[in-house]
Amino acid sequence: MKIENVAETTQKITLDNGLRIFVTEVPHTRAISVGFFVAVGARYESDPIAGASHLIEHMMFKGSRKRPTPGAISLALESVGGTMNASTGKELTIYYAKVPHEHGDLALDVLEDMIRYPIFDPVELEKERRVVVEEIRMLIDDPQSWSHLLLTQEVFPRHPLGRDIAGSIESVLAIRREDLLDYIAQNYGAPNVVVSVAGRLDGQQTVERLARALEDWPVKPVPSFVPLRGQQKKPRVRVGRRKTEQAYLNIAVRSIPRVHPDRFNLLVMNAVMSEGMSSRLFQEVREKRGLAYSVDSWFGLFRDGGIWGISAGVDPKRLTEAYDAILGECARIREELVPEDELTKAKEQVKGRLVLGLEDSFAIASWWGRAEALNEPLMTVDEVLQAIDKVEAEEVRRLAGQLIQPSRMNVTLVGAFGPTIKKELLARLE
């Protein structure tokens, strides 16, 4: 077992089986949060079992060796005022709980038991399979969600990153119990798991408790994934025709990977475009022109690539006006330097949101757990704040110029439009 200090109040422990643990003392809180971060998600799945990561996440709550029913698992923590949940992403699955500090051992026991020793009762599996199918149908029925799904398919064509995390109705119905158990055996090995605990705790006692509980976690090889290849050379437009009162417009480009020298420049660029009501998109598209109720830019970063995009809900009759206004702001940030006062405001916004977001024990646990699981450099909050402060206007313009080119743009639109709209949108990119 190897122990090292990664921050003033945080220790990193690497067990002999490769499982990594982070323990952060937060004495001012009365809570403890425990997170299990498993470095696997939807992009690791083959087409026939698309949605397996997400379905497994659901099934972990349906019964374990010590608590064989869904009710027993939820009752264990709810009876002491605690909460628990989970999430599945493209590259990461997270299971977490938050409890009053005196019940930290219970939270660890519940999570460890349900993740290492799930029952996967066939009856519960069939019920949960139907739940996930309804979740997928809900996504398809929602025009905004559907427009985003179409967008990822265009940005990452014929690639697992372009699929919905939940899979398809066909794949979810076809996945067998044996497929899920095999997937766990292959992907939930100790070297692929990070456990992070933060809150009011005794650091030394917590390290010893976690080491005893997790030292026998089985070792498995770290899983691989299908890498991203190729570069987009021409813009793409996809229209989903549906009778809606609003048009759902998205524009996105392939972006940088998670660990990249420009990642802090991207944070600031995105803030200039869309952080708050004083941002460029909000001011130009909504405040000045009244073209949309919601307009936002956003990004997602993966191990070997990413996505940056803009989404807006607009009046179908004013679609092209809104489209041109958004493209105008894209041209502005890639061609002009951001004024110093606006750059300073964007950096302060990014820093402020980051700091305020860490006013919670699970956010602190997640800070270390996510970074380690995704092979990011371990940086303290102060180090990240300093990196944001160093961002310069020329670097933002350079990055925008590389990414936000019309030839790299993917556009999706959902609404009641005729057959000519695709050509009209493409023409504006040429």
Protein backbone atom coordinates (compact mmCIF):
# COMPACT_ATOMS: atom_id res chain seq x y z
CA MET A 1 0.00 0.00 0.00
CA LYS A 2 1.31 3.43 -0.98
CA ILE A 3 0.19 6.64 0.75
CA GLU A 4 0.92 10.15 -0.53
CA ASN A 5 -0.32 13.65 0.25
CA VAL A 6 -1.87 15.32 -2.82
CA ALA A 7 -3.22 18.37 -0.97
CA GLU A 8 -3.11 19.84 2.51
CA THR A 9 -6.10 17.81 3.70
CA THR A 10 -6.17 15.02 1.08
CA GLN A 11 -4.35 11.70 1.00
CA LYS A 12 -4.11 9.32 -1.95
CA ILE A 13 -3.78 5.63 -1.15
CA THR A 14 -2.89 3.06 -3.79
CA LEU A 15 -3.61 -0.48 -2.69
CA ASP A 16 -1.55 -3.45 -3.86
CA ASN A 17 -4.40 -4.50 -6.17
CA GLY A 18 -4.28 -1.13 -7.98
CA LEU A 19 -7.45 0.35 -6.48
CA ARG A 20 -6.96 3.99 -5.54
CA ILE A 21 -8.50 5.79 -2.56
CA PHE A 22 -8.73 9.48 -1.72
CA VAL A 23 -9.48 10.67 1.80
CA THR A 24 -10.19 14.37 2.37
CA GLU A 25 -10.80 15.83 5.81
CA VAL A 26 -13.42 18.60 5.83
CA PRO A 27 -13.79 19.41 9.54
CA HIS A 28 -16.36 22.21 9.17
CA THR A 29 -19.05 19.90 7.76
CA ARG A 30 -21.25 17.42 9.60
CA ALA A 31 -21.49 15.12 6.56
CA ILE A 32 -19.44 12.43 4.88
CA SER A 33 -19.70 11.66 1.18
CA VAL A 34 -18.47 8.42 -0.37
CA GLY A 35 -18.06 7.97 -4.11
CA PHE A 36 -17.08 4.93 -6.18
CA PHE A 37 -15.77 6.05 -9.57
CA VAL A 38 -15.55 3.27 -12.15
CA ALA A 39 -13.68 4.24 -15.31
CA VAL A 40 -16.10 2.69 -17.77
CA GLY A 41 -19.14 4.00 -19.61
CA ALA A 42 -21.12 3.90 -22.80
CA ARG A 43 -18.17 4.27 -25.18
CA TYR A 44 -16.70 0.99 -23.92
CA GLU A 45 -19.68 -1.04 -25.11
CA SER A 46 -19.97 -2.97 -28.36
CA ASP A 47 -23.06 -2.31 -30.48
CA PRO A 48 -24.97 -5.48 -29.41
CA ILE A 49 -24.79 -4.49 -25.73
CA ALA A 50 -25.19 -0.72 -26.12
CA GLY A 51 -26.70 0.58 -22.88
CA ALA A 52 -25.09 -2.08 -20.67
CA SER A 53 -23.23 0.42 -18.45
CA HIS A 54 -26.44 2.33 -17.78
CA LEU A 55 -28.54 -0.78 -17.16
CA ILE A 56 -25.91 -2.14 -14.77
CA GLU A 57 -25.96 1.14 -12.85
CA HIS A 58 -29.73 0.74 -12.40
CA MET A 59 -29.43 -2.90 -11.37
CA MET A 60 -26.85 -2.21 -8.66
CA PHE A 61 -29.70 -0.76 -6.56
CA LYS A 62 -31.92 -3.84 -6.94
CA GLY A 63 -30.39 -6.09 -4.33
CA SER A 64 -27.02 -7.17 -2.94
CA ARG A 65 -25.59 -9.95 -0.80
CA LYS A 66 -26.28 -8.19 2.51
CA ARG A 67 -29.40 -6.32 1.39
CA PRO A 68 -31.23 -8.58 -1.08
CA THR A 69 -34.06 -6.24 -2.06
CA PRO A 70 -34.21 -2.72 -3.53
CA GLY A 71 -36.05 -1.55 -0.44
CA ALA A 72 -33.35 -2.86 1.88
CA ILE A 73 -30.64 -0.92 0.06
CA SER A 74 -32.50 2.38 0.05
CA LEU A 75 -33.74 1.93 3.63
CA ALA A 76 -30.24 1.39 4.98
CA LEU A 77 -29.20 4.98 4.26
CA GLU A 78 -32.54 6.74 4.26
CA SER A 79 -33.17 5.52 7.81
CA VAL A 80 -30.23 7.63 8.99
CA GLY A 81 -31.12 10.65 6.84
CA GLY A 82 -28.69 9.81 4.06
CA THR A 83 -29.05 9.95 0.29
CA MET A 84 -27.57 7.88 -2.51
CA ASN A 85 -27.57 7.93 -6.27
CA ALA A 86 -25.56 7.03 -9.36
CA SER A 87 -24.85 8.27 -12.87
CA THR A 88 -23.54 6.83 -16.11
CA GLY A 89 -21.54 8.80 -18.63
CA LYS A 90 -19.61 8.06 -21.80
CA GLU A 91 -16.43 7.17 -19.90
CA LEU A 92 -17.33 7.05 -16.22
CA THR A 93 -19.89 5.45 -13.91
CA ILE A 94 -20.33 6.94 -10.42
CA TYR A 95 -22.06 5.54 -7.34
CA TYR A 96 -22.26 7.84 -4.35
CA ALA A 97 -23.83 8.41 -0.95
CA LYS A 98 -23.95 11.27 1.53
CA VAL A 99 -24.72 10.72 5.22
CA PRO A 100 -24.32 12.38 8.61
CA HIS A 101 -20.66 11.93 9.54
CA GLU A 102 -21.29 9.36 12.26
CA HIS A 103 -22.71 6.98 9.60
CA GLY A 104 -19.76 7.09 7.21
CA ASP A 105 -18.94 3.40 7.72
CA LEU A 106 -22.52 2.48 6.82
CA ALA A 107 -22.36 4.44 3.56
CA LEU A 108 -19.15 2.68 2.58
CA ASP A 109 -20.58 -0.73 3.47
CA VAL A 110 -23.77 -0.19 1.46
CA LEU A 111 -21.94 1.00 -1.65
CA GLU A 112 -19.22 -1.62 -1.52
CA ASP A 113 -21.73 -4.44 -1.04
CA MET A 114 -24.05 -3.36 -3.87
CA ILE A 115 -21.18 -2.83 -6.34
CA ARG A 116 -19.14 -5.92 -5.52
CA TYR A 117 -21.95 -8.35 -4.75
CA PRO A 118 -25.06 -7.44 -6.75
CA ILE A 119 -27.72 -10.12 -7.12
CA PHE A 120 -29.10 -9.21 -10.55
CA ASP A 121 -32.34 -11.01 -9.83
CA PRO A 122 -33.87 -12.00 -13.21
CA VAL A 123 -37.31 -10.70 -12.21
CA GLU A 124 -35.88 -7.33 -11.16
CA LEU A 125 -33.83 -7.21 -14.37
CA GLU A 126 -36.90 -7.58 -16.56
CA LYS A 127 -38.69 -4.83 -14.63
CA GLU A 128 -35.71 -2.48 -14.86
CA ARG A 129 -35.25 -3.26 -18.54
CA ARG A 130 -38.77 -1.95 -19.14
CA VAL A 131 -37.99 1.15 -17.06
CA VAL A 132 -34.95 1.93 -19.23
CA VAL A 133 -36.95 1.38 -22.42
CA GLU A 134 -39.45 3.97 -21.21
CA GLU A 135 -36.55 6.30 -20.41
CA ILE A 136 -35.34 5.98 -24.02
CA ARG A 137 -38.84 6.58 -25.37
CA MET A 138 -39.12 9.69 -23.22
CA LEU A 139 -35.86 11.00 -24.71
CA ILE A 140 -37.05 10.37 -28.26
CA ASP A 141 -40.41 12.01 -27.55
CA ASP A 142 -38.73 15.16 -26.18
CA PRO A 143 -37.70 17.25 -29.21
CA GLN A 144 -34.88 19.02 -27.40
CA SER A 145 -33.32 15.75 -26.18
CA TRP A 146 -33.82 14.17 -29.58
CA SER A 147 -32.08 17.10 -31.28
CA HIS A 148 -29.05 16.59 -29.03
CA LEU A 149 -28.98 12.88 -29.82
CA LEU A 150 -29.00 13.67 -33.53
CA LEU A 151 -26.18 16.13 -32.92
CA THR A 152 -23.86 13.64 -31.22
CA GLN A 153 -24.54 11.19 -34.03
CA GLU A 154 -23.34 13.81 -36.52
CA VAL A 155 -20.28 14.88 -34.53
CA PHE A 156 -19.24 11.26 -33.85
CA PRO A 157 -20.68 9.30 -36.77
CA ARG A 158 -20.66 5.49 -36.48
CA HIS A 159 -18.80 5.71 -33.16
CA PRO A 160 -19.84 4.73 -29.62
CA LEU A 161 -19.54 8.39 -28.52
CA GLY A 162 -22.37 9.17 -30.91
CA ARG A 163 -24.79 6.77 -29.23
CA ASP A 164 -27.14 7.62 -26.42
CA ILE A 165 -25.83 6.48 -23.04
CA ALA A 166 -28.96 4.41 -22.45
CA GLY A 167 -28.50 2.52 -25.72
CA SER A 168 -31.36 1.78 -28.09
CA ILE A 169 -34.65 0.07 -27.40
CA GLU A 170 -33.47 -2.87 -29.51
CA SER A 171 -30.13 -3.28 -27.71
CA VAL A 172 -31.62 -2.94 -24.22
CA LEU A 173 -34.25 -5.57 -24.98
CA ALA A 174 -31.58 -7.92 -26.32
CA ILE A 175 -29.04 -7.68 -23.48
CA ARG A 176 -28.91 -10.88 -21.43
CA ARG A 177 -28.20 -11.18 -17.71
CA GLU A 178 -25.01 -13.05 -18.59
CA ASP A 179 -23.89 -10.14 -20.77
CA LEU A 180 -24.20 -7.74 -17.84
CA LEU A 181 -22.35 -10.01 -15.43
CA ASP A 182 -19.56 -10.54 -17.96
CA TYR A 183 -19.34 -6.77 -18.49
CA ILE A 184 -18.93 -6.22 -14.74
CA ALA A 185 -16.30 -8.94 -14.48
CA GLN A 186 -14.31 -7.37 -17.32
CA ASN A 187 -14.63 -3.70 -16.41
CA TYR A 188 -15.06 -3.41 -12.64
CA GLY A 189 -11.59 -4.61 -11.67
CA ALA A 190 -9.63 -2.92 -8.89
CA PRO A 191 -7.24 -0.93 -11.15
CA ASN A 192 -10.30 0.62 -12.82
CA VAL A 193 -11.94 1.79 -9.57
CA VAL A 194 -11.34 4.90 -7.50
CA VAL A 195 -12.99 5.46 -4.11
CA SER A 196 -13.08 9.00 -2.77
CA VAL A 197 -14.32 10.01 0.68
CA ALA A 198 -14.69 13.56 1.99
CA GLY A 199 -16.19 15.05 5.12
CA ARG A 200 -15.81 15.15 8.88
CA LEU A 201 -13.61 12.12 9.43
CA ASP A 202 -10.42 10.89 11.04
CA GLY A 203 -7.98 10.52 8.16
CA GLN A 204 -5.87 7.71 9.58
CA GLN A 205 -8.84 5.64 10.75
CA THR A 206 -10.60 6.11 7.42
CA VAL A 207 -7.53 5.02 5.47
CA GLU A 208 -7.24 1.85 7.56
CA ARG A 209 -10.95 1.10 7.27
CA LEU A 210 -10.98 1.52 3.50
CA ALA A 211 -7.81 -0.51 3.01
CA ARG A 212 -9.24 -3.45 4.97
CA ALA A 213 -12.53 -3.32 3.07
CA LEU A 214 -11.09 -2.99 -0.43
CA GLU A 215 -7.73 -4.79 -0.46
CA ASP A 216 -9.27 -8.03 -1.77
CA TRP A 217 -11.09 -6.39 -4.70
CA PRO A 218 -10.27 -8.60 -7.74
CA VAL A 219 -7.67 -7.40 -10.23
CA LYS A 220 -8.69 -7.17 -13.89
CA PRO A 221 -7.03 -5.49 -16.89
CA VAL A 222 -8.02 -1.89 -17.56
CA PRO A 223 -10.55 -1.95 -20.45
CA SER A 224 -9.93 -0.41 -23.85
CA PHE A 225 -12.20 1.62 -26.12
CA VAL A 226 -12.61 2.44 -29.82
CA PRO A 227 -10.48 5.55 -30.48
CA LEU A 228 -11.68 8.56 -32.42
CA ARG A 229 -10.22 8.83 -35.90
CA GLY A 230 -10.44 11.13 -38.87
CA GLN A 231 -11.18 14.81 -39.25
CA GLN A 232 -14.35 16.44 -40.53
CA LYS A 233 -13.76 18.39 -43.75
CA LYS A 234 -17.26 19.55 -44.68
CA PRO A 235 -20.20 20.89 -42.64
CA ARG A 236 -23.12 18.58 -41.97
CA VAL A 237 -26.79 19.42 -41.41
CA ARG A 238 -29.46 17.01 -40.19
CA VAL A 239 -33.13 17.85 -39.84
CA GLY A 240 -35.57 15.95 -37.65
CA ARG A 241 -39.07 16.81 -38.82
CA ARG A 242 -41.64 17.00 -36.07
CA LYS A 243 -44.63 19.20 -35.39
CA THR A 244 -43.46 21.50 -32.61
CA GLU A 245 -44.22 25.04 -31.50
CA GLN A 246 -40.52 25.82 -31.20
CA ALA A 247 -37.52 24.99 -33.37
CA TYR A 248 -34.63 23.24 -31.61
CA LEU A 249 -31.33 24.33 -33.14
CA ASN A 250 -27.86 22.97 -32.31
CA ILE A 251 -24.46 23.77 -33.77
CA ALA A 252 -21.40 21.77 -32.66
CA VAL A 253 -17.81 21.00 -33.56
CA ARG A 254 -15.33 18.31 -32.56
CA SER A 255 -13.24 19.71 -29.72
CA ILE A 256 -10.09 18.96 -27.71
CA PRO A 257 -9.58 15.95 -25.41
CA ARG A 258 -9.91 16.19 -21.66
CA VAL A 259 -6.19 16.44 -20.93
CA HIS A 260 -4.99 19.12 -23.34
CA PRO A 261 -2.94 22.32 -22.95
CA ASP A 262 -5.94 24.34 -24.19
CA ARG A 263 -8.47 23.03 -21.68
CA PHE A 264 -8.40 26.20 -19.57
CA ASN A 265 -8.59 28.35 -22.68
CA LEU A 266 -11.72 26.38 -23.60
CA LEU A 267 -13.28 27.07 -20.18
CA VAL A 268 -12.80 30.80 -20.63
CA MET A 269 -13.89 30.81 -24.29
CA ASN A 270 -17.11 29.05 -23.34
CA ALA A 271 -17.71 31.52 -20.51
CA VAL A 272 -17.32 34.48 -22.89
CA MET A 273 -19.92 32.93 -25.15
CA SER A 274 -22.48 31.74 -22.63
CA GLU A 275 -21.73 32.15 -18.92
CA GLY A 276 -24.62 34.10 -17.45
CA MET A 277 -26.98 36.76 -18.70
CA SER A 278 -24.12 39.12 -19.56
CA SER A 279 -22.58 36.63 -22.01
CA ARG A 280 -22.37 37.24 -25.74
CA LEU A 281 -24.97 34.73 -26.87
CA PHE A 282 -27.51 35.78 -24.25
CA GLN A 283 -27.05 39.46 -24.97
CA GLU A 284 -27.06 39.24 -28.76
CA VAL A 285 -29.61 36.49 -29.41
CA ARG A 286 -32.05 37.05 -26.56
CA GLU A 287 -31.66 40.54 -25.12
CA LYS A 288 -30.93 42.60 -28.24
CA ARG A 289 -32.88 40.63 -30.85
CA GLY A 290 -35.45 38.66 -28.85
CA LEU A 291 -34.84 35.57 -30.97
CA ALA A 292 -34.75 32.89 -28.27
CA TYR A 293 -35.75 32.22 -24.70
CA SER A 294 -32.81 29.90 -24.13
CA VAL A 295 -29.44 29.97 -25.87
CA ASP A 296 -26.34 28.36 -24.40
CA SER A 297 -22.93 27.07 -25.31
CA TRP A 298 -21.55 23.96 -23.67
CA PHE A 299 -18.83 21.34 -24.02
CA GLY A 300 -17.97 17.73 -23.24
CA LEU A 301 -14.42 16.40 -23.02
CA PHE A 302 -13.34 12.78 -23.48
CA ARG A 303 -10.05 10.92 -23.37
CA ASP A 304 -9.20 11.45 -27.03
CA GLY A 305 -11.51 14.22 -28.21
CA GLY A 306 -14.47 16.35 -27.28
CA ILE A 307 -17.43 18.39 -28.40
CA TRP A 308 -18.25 22.10 -28.13
CA GLY A 309 -21.64 23.37 -29.14
CA ILE A 310 -24.43 25.91 -28.99
CA SER A 311 -28.11 25.12 -28.45
CA ALA A 312 -31.13 27.37 -28.79
CA GLY A 313 -34.90 27.13 -28.82
CA VAL A 314 -36.25 29.63 -31.36
CA ASP A 315 -39.39 30.76 -33.16
CA PRO A 316 -39.50 28.69 -36.40
CA LYS A 317 -40.42 31.81 -38.36
CA ARG A 318 -37.21 33.51 -37.19
CA LEU A 319 -34.94 30.48 -37.46
CA THR A 320 -32.57 31.83 -40.09
CA GLU A 321 -32.26 35.15 -38.26
CA ALA A 322 -31.30 33.35 -35.05
CA TYR A 323 -28.98 31.02 -36.96
CA ASP A 324 -27.17 33.95 -38.55
CA ALA A 325 -26.88 35.76 -35.21
CA ILE A 326 -25.28 32.68 -33.61
CA LEU A 327 -22.91 32.21 -36.54
CA GLY A 328 -22.03 35.87 -36.22
CA GLU A 329 -20.96 35.40 -32.62
CA CYS A 330 -18.92 32.34 -33.64
CA ALA A 331 -17.14 34.44 -36.27
CA ARG A 332 -16.56 37.25 -33.79
CA ILE A 333 -14.81 35.13 -31.17
CA ARG A 334 -12.58 33.39 -33.70
CA GLU A 335 -11.61 36.61 -35.49
CA GLU A 336 -11.44 39.28 -32.77
CA LEU A 337 -9.56 39.49 -29.49
CA VAL A 338 -11.79 39.42 -26.44
CA PRO A 339 -11.46 42.85 -24.74
CA GLU A 340 -9.50 42.76 -21.51
CA ASP A 341 -12.43 43.68 -19.25
CA GLU A 342 -14.62 41.00 -20.81
CA LEU A 343 -11.84 38.43 -20.52
CA THR A 344 -11.35 39.28 -16.85
CA LYS A 345 -15.09 38.95 -16.21
CA ALA A 346 -15.16 35.53 -17.91
CA LYS A 347 -12.21 34.26 -15.88
CA GLU A 348 -13.72 35.47 -12.63
CA GLN A 349 -17.01 33.78 -13.55
CA VAL A 350 -15.29 30.46 -14.21
CA LYS A 351 -13.32 30.69 -10.98
CA GLY A 352 -16.31 31.78 -8.93
CA ARG A 353 -18.57 28.98 -10.21
CA LEU A 354 -15.82 26.46 -9.57
CA VAL A 355 -15.24 27.58 -5.98
CA LEU A 356 -18.95 27.81 -5.15
CA GLY A 357 -19.50 24.38 -6.64
CA LEU A 358 -17.11 22.89 -4.10
CA GLU A 359 -19.17 23.94 -1.07
CA ASP A 360 -20.31 20.34 -0.60
CA SER A 361 -18.59 17.20 0.66
CA PHE A 362 -19.48 15.13 -2.40
CA ALA A 363 -18.21 17.85 -4.74
CA ILE A 364 -14.87 17.64 -2.93
CA ALA A 365 -14.84 13.85 -3.13
CA SER A 366 -15.73 14.06 -6.81
CA TRP A 367 -12.94 16.58 -7.49
CA TRP A 368 -10.33 13.90 -6.75
CA GLY A 369 -12.31 10.81 -7.74
CA ARG A 370 -13.22 11.97 -11.23
CA ALA A 371 -9.75 13.30 -12.03
CA GLU A 372 -8.01 10.12 -10.96
CA ALA A 373 -10.47 7.79 -12.67
CA LEU A 374 -10.17 9.70 -15.95
CA ASN A 375 -6.36 9.96 -15.80
CA GLU A 376 -6.39 13.73 -15.42
CA PRO A 377 -3.49 15.52 -13.69
CA LEU A 378 -4.20 15.86 -9.98
CA MET A 379 -4.43 19.60 -9.41
CA THR A 380 -5.50 21.46 -6.30
CA VAL A 381 -8.21 24.09 -6.53
CA ASP A 382 -5.60 26.83 -6.19
CA GLU A 383 -3.57 25.37 -9.05
CA VAL A 384 -6.63 25.35 -11.31
CA LEU A 385 -7.50 28.93 -10.35
CA GLN A 386 -3.97 30.00 -11.22
CA ALA A 387 -4.18 28.23 -14.59
CA ILE A 388 -7.43 30.07 -15.37
CA ASP A 389 -5.83 33.39 -14.44
CA LYS A 390 -3.08 32.76 -17.01
CA VAL A 391 -5.49 32.51 -19.95
CA GLU A 392 -4.86 35.27 -22.50
CA ALA A 393 -7.09 36.79 -25.15
CA GLU A 394 -4.82 35.69 -27.99
CA GLU A 395 -4.98 32.07 -26.80
CA VAL A 396 -8.78 32.20 -26.73
CA ARG A 397 -8.86 33.58 -30.27
CA ARG A 398 -6.36 30.98 -31.48
CA LEU A 399 -8.40 28.12 -30.01
CA ALA A 400 -11.68 29.49 -31.35
CA GLY A 401 -10.07 29.87 -34.77
CA GLN A 402 -9.00 26.24 -34.73
CA LEU A 403 -12.30 24.81 -33.51
CA ILE A 404 -15.19 26.99 -34.64
CA GLN A 405 -14.70 26.79 -38.37
CA PRO A 406 -17.74 26.48 -40.68
CA SER A 407 -16.17 23.41 -42.34
CA ARG A 408 -16.13 21.65 -38.95
CA MET A 409 -19.69 22.52 -37.96
CA ASN A 410 -22.49 20.04 -37.43
CA VAL A 411 -26.02 21.45 -37.33
CA THR A 412 -29.16 19.68 -36.18
CA LEU A 413 -32.65 21.08 -36.27
CA VAL A 414 -35.90 19.63 -34.98
CA GLY A 415 -39.19 21.21 -35.96
CA ALA A 416 -41.90 21.46 -38.62
CA PHE A 417 -39.80 22.43 -41.63
CA GLY A 418 -40.03 21.77 -45.33
CA PRO A 419 -37.55 19.95 -47.57
CA THR A 420 -35.47 23.03 -48.45
CA ILE A 421 -34.33 23.97 -44.95
CA LYS A 422 -31.27 21.68 -44.99
CA LYS A 423 -29.86 23.35 -48.11
CA GLU A 424 -30.59 26.79 -46.68
CA LEU A 425 -28.65 26.07 -43.49
CA LEU A 426 -25.76 24.51 -45.38
CA ALA A 427 -25.55 27.45 -47.75
CA ARG A 428 -25.00 29.82 -44.81
CA LEU A 429 -21.92 27.84 -43.81
CA GLU A 430 -20.25 28.02 -47.20
